[in-house]
PDB file of all heavy atoms in Angstrom:
ATOM      1  N   SER A   1      -2.356   7.471  59.066  1.00  0.00           N
ATOM      2  CA  SER A   1      -1.984   6.544  58.046  1.00  0.00           C
ATOM      3  C   SER A   1      -3.013   5.425  57.808  1.00  0.00           C
ATOM      4  O   SER A   1      -3.762   5.090  58.718  1.00  0.00           O
ATOM      5  CB  SER A   1      -0.648   5.849  58.483  1.00  0.00           C
ATOM      6  OG  SER A   1      -0.291   4.830  57.654  1.00  0.00           O
ATOM      7  N   ALA A   2      -2.970   4.835  56.630  1.00  0.00           N
ATOM      8  CA  ALA A   2      -3.928   3.761  56.295  1.00  0.00           C
ATOM      9  C   ALA A   2      -3.299   2.434  56.820  1.00  0.00           C
ATOM     10  O   ALA A   2      -3.945   1.397  56.744  1.00  0.00           O
ATOM     11  CB  ALA A   2      -4.076   3.661  54.802  1.00  0.00           C
ATOM     12  N   PHE A   3      -2.083   2.454  57.255  1.00  0.00           N
ATOM     13  CA  PHE A   3      -1.305   1.203  57.677  1.00  0.00           C
ATOM     14  C   PHE A   3      -1.581   0.758  59.127  1.00  0.00           C
ATOM     15  O   PHE A   3      -0.858  -0.078  59.631  1.00  0.00           O
ATOM     16  CB  PHE A   3       0.114   1.430  57.403  1.00  0.00           C
ATOM     17  CG  PHE A   3       0.544   1.487  55.893  1.00  0.00           C
ATOM     18  CD1 PHE A   3       0.794   2.725  55.401  1.00  0.00           C
ATOM     19  CD2 PHE A   3       0.640   0.393  55.249  1.00  0.00           C
ATOM     20  CE1 PHE A   3       1.138   2.786  54.102  1.00  0.00           C
ATOM     21  CE2 PHE A   3       1.016   0.433  53.880  1.00  0.00           C
ATOM     22  CZ  PHE A   3       1.203   1.702  53.332  1.00  0.00           C
ATOM     23  N   TYR A   4      -2.592   1.352  59.876  1.00  0.00           N
ATOM     24  CA  TYR A   4      -2.840   0.994  61.208  1.00  0.00           C
ATOM     25  C   TYR A   4      -3.912  -0.028  61.381  1.00  0.00           C
ATOM     26  O   TYR A   4      -4.236  -0.491  62.559  1.00  0.00           O
ATOM     27  CB  TYR A   4      -3.112   2.271  62.031  1.00  0.00           C
ATOM     28  CG  TYR A   4      -2.118   3.310  62.088  1.00  0.00           C
ATOM     29  CD1 TYR A   4      -2.529   4.673  62.191  1.00  0.00           C
ATOM     30  CD2 TYR A   4      -0.761   2.989  61.931  1.00  0.00           C
ATOM     31  CE1 TYR A   4      -1.614   5.668  62.237  1.00  0.00           C
ATOM     32  CE2 TYR A   4       0.175   4.081  61.921  1.00  0.00           C
ATOM     33  CZ  TYR A   4      -0.226   5.332  62.139  1.00  0.00           C
ATOM     34  OH  TYR A   4       0.673   6.374  62.116  1.00  0.00           O
ATOM     35  N   GLY A   5      -4.605  -0.369  60.320  1.00  0.00           N
ATOM     36  CA  GLY A   5      -5.815  -1.220  60.411  1.00  0.00           C
ATOM     37  C   GLY A   5      -5.646  -2.514  61.207  1.00  0.00           C
ATOM     38  O   GLY A   5      -6.432  -2.800  62.116  1.00  0.00           O
ATOM     39  N   PRO A   6      -4.662  -3.386  60.921  1.00  0.00           N
ATOM     40  CA  PRO A   6      -4.502  -4.593  61.709  1.00  0.00           C
ATOM     41  C   PRO A   6      -4.282  -4.389  63.240  1.00  0.00           C
ATOM     42  O   PRO A   6      -4.735  -5.187  63.970  1.00  0.00           O
ATOM     43  CB  PRO A   6      -3.275  -5.194  61.046  1.00  0.00           C
ATOM     44  CG  PRO A   6      -3.318  -4.682  59.654  1.00  0.00           C
ATOM     45  CD  PRO A   6      -3.714  -3.329  59.750  1.00  0.00           C
ATOM     46  N   PHE A   7      -3.597  -3.280  63.604  1.00  0.00           N
ATOM     47  CA  PHE A   7      -3.373  -2.955  65.004  1.00  0.00           C
ATOM     48  C   PHE A   7      -4.688  -2.682  65.662  1.00  0.00           C
ATOM     49  O   PHE A   7      -4.926  -3.113  66.769  1.00  0.00           O
ATOM     50  CB  PHE A   7      -2.461  -1.736  65.083  1.00  0.00           C
ATOM     51  CG  PHE A   7      -2.203  -1.228  66.552  1.00  0.00           C
ATOM     52  CD1 PHE A   7      -1.116  -1.745  67.229  1.00  0.00           C
ATOM     53  CD2 PHE A   7      -3.098  -0.339  67.087  1.00  0.00           C
ATOM     54  CE1 PHE A   7      -0.947  -1.320  68.566  1.00  0.00           C
ATOM     55  CE2 PHE A   7      -2.892   0.059  68.417  1.00  0.00           C
ATOM     56  CZ  PHE A   7      -1.711  -0.369  69.098  1.00  0.00           C
ATOM     57  N   ARG A   8      -5.621  -1.987  64.951  1.00  0.00           N
ATOM     58  CA  ARG A   8      -6.899  -1.691  65.638  1.00  0.00           C
ATOM     59  C   ARG A   8      -7.704  -2.945  65.729  1.00  0.00           C
ATOM     60  O   ARG A   8      -8.587  -3.062  66.633  1.00  0.00           O
ATOM     61  CB  ARG A   8      -7.638  -0.577  64.659  1.00  0.00           C
ATOM     62  CG  ARG A   8      -6.933   0.761  64.935  1.00  0.00           C
ATOM     63  CD  ARG A   8      -7.429   1.825  64.019  1.00  0.00           C
ATOM     64  NE  ARG A   8      -6.739   3.113  64.078  1.00  0.00           N
ATOM     65  CZ  ARG A   8      -6.711   4.009  63.270  1.00  0.00           C
ATOM     66  NH1 ARG A   8      -7.605   4.016  62.293  1.00  0.00           N
ATOM     67  NH2 ARG A   8      -5.990   5.108  63.448  1.00  0.00           N
ATOM     68  N   ASP A   9      -7.494  -3.970  64.796  1.00  0.00           N
ATOM     69  CA  ASP A   9      -8.163  -5.223  64.942  1.00  0.00           C
ATOM     70  C   ASP A   9      -7.601  -5.962  66.221  1.00  0.00           C
ATOM     71  O   ASP A   9      -8.331  -6.573  66.985  1.00  0.00           O
ATOM     72  CB  ASP A   9      -7.775  -6.188  63.878  1.00  0.00           C
ATOM     73  CG  ASP A   9      -8.471  -5.663  62.451  1.00  0.00           C
ATOM     74  OD1 ASP A   9      -9.464  -4.843  62.567  1.00  0.00           O
ATOM     75  OD2 ASP A   9      -8.026  -6.181  61.400  1.00  0.00           O
ATOM     76  N   ALA A  10      -6.337  -5.832  66.521  1.00  0.00           N
ATOM     77  CA  ALA A  10      -5.708  -6.455  67.618  1.00  0.00           C
ATOM     78  C   ALA A  10      -6.252  -5.868  68.999  1.00  0.00           C
ATOM     79  O   ALA A  10      -6.412  -6.632  69.918  1.00  0.00           O
ATOM     80  CB  ALA A  10      -4.127  -6.279  67.623  1.00  0.00           C
ATOM     81  N   LEU A  11      -6.512  -4.571  68.980  1.00  0.00           N
ATOM     82  CA  LEU A  11      -6.899  -3.979  70.191  1.00  0.00           C
ATOM     83  C   LEU A  11      -8.433  -3.790  70.241  1.00  0.00           C
ATOM     84  O   LEU A  11      -9.028  -3.429  71.234  1.00  0.00           O
ATOM     85  CB  LEU A  11      -6.246  -2.620  70.467  1.00  0.00           C
ATOM     86  CG  LEU A  11      -4.733  -2.607  70.716  1.00  0.00           C
ATOM     87  CD1 LEU A  11      -4.304  -1.321  71.268  1.00  0.00           C
ATOM     88  CD2 LEU A  11      -4.372  -3.696  71.795  1.00  0.00           C
ATOM     89  N   GLU A  12      -9.124  -3.963  69.133  1.00  0.00           N
ATOM     90  CA  GLU A  12     -10.504  -3.802  68.883  1.00  0.00           C
ATOM     91  C   GLU A  12     -10.757  -2.330  69.492  1.00  0.00           C
ATOM     92  O   GLU A  12     -11.700  -2.099  70.304  1.00  0.00           O
ATOM     93  CB  GLU A  12     -11.316  -4.784  69.690  1.00  0.00           C
ATOM     94  CG  GLU A  12     -11.034  -6.177  69.189  1.00  0.00           C
ATOM     95  CD  GLU A  12     -11.703  -7.259  70.050  1.00  0.00           C
ATOM     96  OE1 GLU A  12     -11.800  -7.188  71.296  1.00  0.00           O
ATOM     97  OE2 GLU A  12     -12.325  -8.194  69.430  1.00  0.00           O
ATOM     98  N   SER A  13     -10.007  -1.396  68.932  1.00  0.00           N
ATOM     99  CA  SER A  13     -10.091   0.053  69.409  1.00  0.00           C
ATOM    100  C   SER A  13     -10.374   1.071  68.329  1.00  0.00           C
ATOM    101  O   SER A  13      -9.889   2.222  68.441  1.00  0.00           O
ATOM    102  CB  SER A  13      -8.865   0.380  70.156  1.00  0.00           C
ATOM    103  OG  SER A  13      -7.704   0.290  69.294  1.00  0.00           O
ATOM    104  N   ALA A  14     -10.939   0.717  67.237  1.00  0.00           N
ATOM    105  CA  ALA A  14     -11.170   1.642  66.126  1.00  0.00           C
ATOM    106  C   ALA A  14     -12.101   2.858  66.673  1.00  0.00           C
ATOM    107  O   ALA A  14     -12.991   2.607  67.480  1.00  0.00           O
ATOM    108  CB  ALA A  14     -11.803   1.002  64.954  1.00  0.00           C
ATOM    109  N   PRO A  15     -11.920   3.944  66.074  1.00  0.00           N
ATOM    110  CA  PRO A  15     -12.757   5.118  66.429  1.00  0.00           C
ATOM    111  C   PRO A  15     -14.191   4.812  66.209  1.00  0.00           C
ATOM    112  O   PRO A  15     -14.529   4.165  65.150  1.00  0.00           O
ATOM    113  CB  PRO A  15     -12.379   6.226  65.615  1.00  0.00           C
ATOM    114  CG  PRO A  15     -10.898   5.846  65.190  1.00  0.00           C
ATOM    115  CD  PRO A  15     -10.910   4.446  65.090  1.00  0.00           C
ATOM    116  N   LYS A  16     -15.093   5.214  67.058  1.00  0.00           N
ATOM    117  CA  LYS A  16     -16.526   4.978  66.938  1.00  0.00           C
ATOM    118  C   LYS A  16     -17.118   6.043  65.977  1.00  0.00           C
ATOM    119  O   LYS A  16     -18.290   5.764  65.473  1.00  0.00           O
ATOM    120  CB  LYS A  16     -17.238   5.044  68.362  1.00  0.00           C
ATOM    121  CG  LYS A  16     -16.776   4.023  69.340  1.00  0.00           C
ATOM    122  CD  LYS A  16     -17.075   2.624  68.876  1.00  0.00           C
ATOM    123  CE  LYS A  16     -16.739   1.605  70.070  1.00  0.00           C
ATOM    124  NZ  LYS A  16     -15.360   1.546  70.520  1.00  0.00           N
ATOM    125  N   PHE A  17     -16.403   7.060  65.688  1.00  0.00           N
ATOM    126  CA  PHE A  17     -16.893   8.038  64.724  1.00  0.00           C
ATOM    127  C   PHE A  17     -15.718   8.787  64.140  1.00  0.00           C
ATOM    128  O   PHE A  17     -14.662   8.828  64.781  1.00  0.00           O
ATOM    129  CB  PHE A  17     -17.855   9.054  65.322  1.00  0.00           C
ATOM    130  CG  PHE A  17     -17.237   9.985  66.315  1.00  0.00           C
ATOM    131  CD1 PHE A  17     -16.619  11.196  65.848  1.00  0.00           C
ATOM    132  CD2 PHE A  17     -17.033   9.647  67.603  1.00  0.00           C
ATOM    133  CE1 PHE A  17     -16.101  12.040  66.796  1.00  0.00           C
ATOM    134  CE2 PHE A  17     -16.357  10.455  68.516  1.00  0.00           C
ATOM    135  CZ  PHE A  17     -15.878  11.715  68.080  1.00  0.00           C
ATOM    136  N   GLY A  18     -15.911   9.253  62.975  1.00  0.00           N
ATOM    137  CA  GLY A  18     -14.850  10.066  62.260  1.00  0.00           C
ATOM    138  C   GLY A  18     -13.538   9.338  62.165  1.00  0.00           C
ATOM    139  O   GLY A  18     -13.426   8.183  61.997  1.00  0.00           O
ATOM    140  N   ASP A  19     -12.414  10.205  62.157  1.00  0.00           N
ATOM    141  CA  ASP A  19     -11.061   9.734  61.915  1.00  0.00           C
ATOM    142  C   ASP A  19     -10.131  10.428  62.953  1.00  0.00           C
ATOM    143  O   ASP A  19     -10.576  11.139  63.876  1.00  0.00           O
ATOM    144  CB  ASP A  19     -10.611   9.841  60.533  1.00  0.00           C
ATOM    145  CG  ASP A  19     -10.734  11.307  60.000  1.00  0.00           C
ATOM    146  OD1 ASP A  19     -10.464  12.239  60.761  1.00  0.00           O
ATOM    147  OD2 ASP A  19     -11.138  11.475  58.850  1.00  0.00           O
ATOM    148  N   LYS A  20      -8.847  10.293  62.695  1.00  0.00           N
ATOM    149  CA  LYS A  20      -7.904  10.840  63.685  1.00  0.00           C
ATOM    150  C   LYS A  20      -7.108  11.918  63.093  1.00  0.00           C
ATOM    151  O   LYS A  20      -6.021  12.322  63.620  1.00  0.00           O
ATOM    152  CB  LYS A  20      -6.972   9.808  64.280  1.00  0.00           C
ATOM    153  CG  LYS A  20      -7.777   8.650  64.952  1.00  0.00           C
ATOM    154  CD  LYS A  20      -6.797   7.691  65.747  1.00  0.00           C
ATOM    155  CE  LYS A  20      -7.630   6.665  66.482  1.00  0.00           C
ATOM    156  NZ  LYS A  20      -6.734   5.826  67.378  1.00  0.00           N
ATOM    157  N   LYS A  21      -7.655  12.617  62.014  1.00  0.00           N
ATOM    158  CA  LYS A  21      -6.879  13.531  61.229  1.00  0.00           C
ATOM    159  C   LYS A  21      -6.719  14.855  61.971  1.00  0.00           C
ATOM    160  O   LYS A  21      -5.888  15.705  61.549  1.00  0.00           O
ATOM    161  CB  LYS A  21      -7.417  13.752  59.937  1.00  0.00           C
ATOM    162  CG  LYS A  21      -7.327  12.492  59.001  1.00  0.00           C
ATOM    163  CD  LYS A  21      -7.985  12.705  57.689  1.00  0.00           C
ATOM    164  CE  LYS A  21      -7.758  11.430  56.749  1.00  0.00           C
ATOM    165  NZ  LYS A  21      -8.423  11.601  55.389  1.00  0.00           N
ATOM    166  N   THR A  22      -7.495  15.200  62.989  1.00  0.00           N
ATOM    167  CA  THR A  22      -7.328  16.390  63.721  1.00  0.00           C
ATOM    168  C   THR A  22      -6.195  16.318  64.678  1.00  0.00           C
ATOM    169  O   THR A  22      -5.792  17.347  65.284  1.00  0.00           O
ATOM    170  CB  THR A  22      -8.621  16.853  64.542  1.00  0.00           C
ATOM    171  OG1 THR A  22      -8.927  15.923  65.567  1.00  0.00           O
ATOM    172  CG2 THR A  22      -9.780  16.988  63.506  1.00  0.00           C
ATOM    173  N   TYR A  23      -5.598  15.192  64.950  1.00  0.00           N
ATOM    174  CA  TYR A  23      -4.461  15.101  65.795  1.00  0.00           C
ATOM    175  C   TYR A  23      -3.294  14.340  65.272  1.00  0.00           C
ATOM    176  O   TYR A  23      -2.074  14.713  65.536  1.00  0.00           O
ATOM    177  CB  TYR A  23      -4.820  14.585  67.308  1.00  0.00           C
ATOM    178  CG  TYR A  23      -5.679  13.365  67.353  1.00  0.00           C
ATOM    179  CD1 TYR A  23      -5.142  12.128  67.618  1.00  0.00           C
ATOM    180  CD2 TYR A  23      -7.158  13.439  67.207  1.00  0.00           C
ATOM    181  CE1 TYR A  23      -5.863  10.983  67.754  1.00  0.00           C
ATOM    182  CE2 TYR A  23      -7.910  12.353  67.365  1.00  0.00           C
ATOM    183  CZ  TYR A  23      -7.278  11.089  67.601  1.00  0.00           C
ATOM    184  OH  TYR A  23      -8.074   9.981  67.824  1.00  0.00           O
ATOM    185  N   GLN A  24      -3.479  13.363  64.443  1.00  0.00           N
ATOM    186  CA  GLN A  24      -2.389  12.731  63.770  1.00  0.00           C
ATOM    187  C   GLN A  24      -2.009  13.588  62.479  1.00  0.00           C
ATOM    188  O   GLN A  24      -2.888  14.347  61.951  1.00  0.00           O
ATOM    189  CB  GLN A  24      -2.719  11.282  63.351  1.00  0.00           C
ATOM    190  CG  GLN A  24      -2.912  10.477  64.595  1.00  0.00           C
ATOM    191  CD  GLN A  24      -3.278   9.007  64.253  1.00  0.00           C
ATOM    192  OE1 GLN A  24      -3.456   8.633  63.085  1.00  0.00           O
ATOM    193  NE2 GLN A  24      -3.429   8.172  65.230  1.00  0.00           N
ATOM    194  N   MET A  25      -0.745  13.377  62.021  1.00  0.00           N
ATOM    195  CA  MET A  25      -0.285  14.242  60.949  1.00  0.00           C
ATOM    196  C   MET A  25      -0.716  13.954  59.524  1.00  0.00           C
ATOM    197  O   MET A  25      -0.988  12.832  59.238  1.00  0.00           O
ATOM    198  CB  MET A  25       1.187  14.325  61.024  1.00  0.00           C
ATOM    199  CG  MET A  25       1.813  15.015  62.251  1.00  0.00           C
ATOM    200  SD  MET A  25       3.589  14.991  62.236  1.00  0.00           S
ATOM    201  CE  MET A  25       3.919  15.591  60.608  1.00  0.00           C
ATOM    202  N   ASN A  26      -0.760  14.988  58.671  1.00  0.00           N
ATOM    203  CA  ASN A  26      -1.055  14.855  57.297  1.00  0.00           C
ATOM    204  C   ASN A  26       0.127  14.215  56.588  1.00  0.00           C
ATOM    205  O   ASN A  26       1.286  14.709  56.747  1.00  0.00           O
ATOM    206  CB  ASN A  26      -1.294  16.257  56.718  1.00  0.00           C
ATOM    207  CG  ASN A  26      -1.667  16.249  55.263  1.00  0.00           C
ATOM    208  OD1 ASN A  26      -1.460  15.253  54.553  1.00  0.00           O
ATOM    209  ND2 ASN A  26      -2.228  17.413  54.819  1.00  0.00           N
ATOM    210  N   PRO A  27      -0.071  13.104  55.894  1.00  0.00           N
ATOM    211  CA  PRO A  27       1.039  12.406  55.302  1.00  0.00           C
ATOM    212  C   PRO A  27       1.800  13.214  54.293  1.00  0.00           C
ATOM    213  O   PRO A  27       2.917  12.956  53.857  1.00  0.00           O
ATOM    214  CB  PRO A  27       0.307  11.228  54.466  1.00  0.00           C
ATOM    215  CG  PRO A  27      -0.850  10.934  55.378  1.00  0.00           C
ATOM    216  CD  PRO A  27      -1.307  12.328  55.818  1.00  0.00           C
ATOM    217  N   ALA A  28       1.311  14.369  53.812  1.00  0.00           N
ATOM    218  CA  ALA A  28       1.903  15.211  52.857  1.00  0.00           C
ATOM    219  C   ALA A  28       3.019  16.127  53.535  1.00  0.00           C
ATOM    220  O   ALA A  28       3.793  16.764  52.757  1.00  0.00           O
ATOM    221  CB  ALA A  28       0.860  16.065  52.225  1.00  0.00           C
ATOM    222  N   ASN A  29       3.054  16.237  54.819  1.00  0.00           N
ATOM    223  CA  ASN A  29       3.855  17.233  55.463  1.00  0.00           C
ATOM    224  C   ASN A  29       5.218  16.709  56.003  1.00  0.00           C
ATOM    225  O   ASN A  29       5.210  15.632  56.777  1.00  0.00           O
ATOM    226  CB  ASN A  29       3.111  17.843  56.574  1.00  0.00           C
ATOM    227  CG  ASN A  29       1.887  18.727  56.143  1.00  0.00           C
ATOM    228  OD1 ASN A  29       1.708  18.783  54.897  1.00  0.00           O
ATOM    229  ND2 ASN A  29       1.101  19.193  57.009  1.00  0.00           N
ATOM    230  N   THR A  30       6.202  17.478  55.725  1.00  0.00           N
ATOM    231  CA  THR A  30       7.603  17.173  56.301  1.00  0.00           C
ATOM    232  C   THR A  30       7.936  18.210  57.388  1.00  0.00           C
ATOM    233  O   THR A  30       8.452  17.821  58.466  1.00  0.00           O
ATOM    234  CB  THR A  30       8.653  17.223  55.090  1.00  0.00           C
ATOM    235  OG1 THR A  30       8.307  16.191  54.188  1.00  0.00           O
ATOM    236  CG2 THR A  30      10.048  17.022  55.684  1.00  0.00           C
ATOM    237  N   ARG A  31       7.822  19.525  57.082  1.00  0.00           N
ATOM    238  CA  ARG A  31       8.335  20.489  57.999  1.00  0.00           C
ATOM    239  C   ARG A  31       7.556  20.472  59.356  1.00  0.00           C
ATOM    240  O   ARG A  31       8.005  20.757  60.375  1.00  0.00           O
ATOM    241  CB  ARG A  31       8.089  21.920  57.375  1.00  0.00           C
ATOM    242  CG  ARG A  31       9.017  22.139  56.218  1.00  0.00           C
ATOM    243  CD  ARG A  31       8.716  23.517  55.499  1.00  0.00           C
ATOM    244  NE  ARG A  31       9.670  23.761  54.435  1.00  0.00           N
ATOM    245  CZ  ARG A  31       9.452  24.625  53.448  1.00  0.00           C
ATOM    246  NH1 ARG A  31       8.316  25.232  53.473  1.00  0.00           N
ATOM    247  NH2 ARG A  31      10.286  24.727  52.471  1.00  0.00           N
ATOM    248  N   GLU A  32       6.198  20.006  59.203  1.00  0.00           N
ATOM    249  CA  GLU A  32       5.520  19.854  60.431  1.00  0.00           C
ATOM    250  C   GLU A  32       6.101  18.803  61.355  1.00  0.00           C
ATOM    251  O   GLU A  32       6.050  18.944  62.550  1.00  0.00           O
ATOM    252  CB  GLU A  32       4.014  19.456  60.076  1.00  0.00           C
ATOM    253  CG  GLU A  32       3.091  19.467  61.209  1.00  0.00           C
ATOM    254  CD  GLU A  32       1.693  19.096  60.865  1.00  0.00           C
ATOM    255  OE1 GLU A  32       1.426  18.571  59.665  1.00  0.00           O
ATOM    256  OE2 GLU A  32       0.837  19.140  61.711  1.00  0.00           O
ATOM    257  N   ALA A  33       6.639  17.782  60.742  1.00  0.00           N
ATOM    258  CA  ALA A  33       7.279  16.790  61.550  1.00  0.00           C
ATOM    259  C   ALA A  33       8.500  17.339  62.357  1.00  0.00           C
ATOM    260  O   ALA A  33       8.767  16.937  63.483  1.00  0.00           O
ATOM    261  CB  ALA A  33       7.782  15.543  60.577  1.00  0.00           C
ATOM    262  N   LEU A  34       9.308  18.230  61.766  1.00  0.00           N
ATOM    263  CA  LEU A  34      10.302  18.976  62.431  1.00  0.00           C
ATOM    264  C   LEU A  34       9.865  19.778  63.492  1.00  0.00           C
ATOM    265  O   LEU A  34      10.583  19.847  64.567  1.00  0.00           O
ATOM    266  CB  LEU A  34      11.169  19.682  61.357  1.00  0.00           C
ATOM    267  CG  LEU A  34      11.982  18.916  60.312  1.00  0.00           C
ATOM    268  CD1 LEU A  34      12.620  19.738  59.321  1.00  0.00           C
ATOM    269  CD2 LEU A  34      13.047  18.078  60.943  1.00  0.00           C
TER     270      LEU A  34
END
């Protein structure tokens, strides 16, 4: 999600490279959540 930015400011823990899309879920998917 794009809504995690302030949390990463709080922990100063943003990824040093890339993103988290290979383990966090695609916002388009419902069945995958089930």
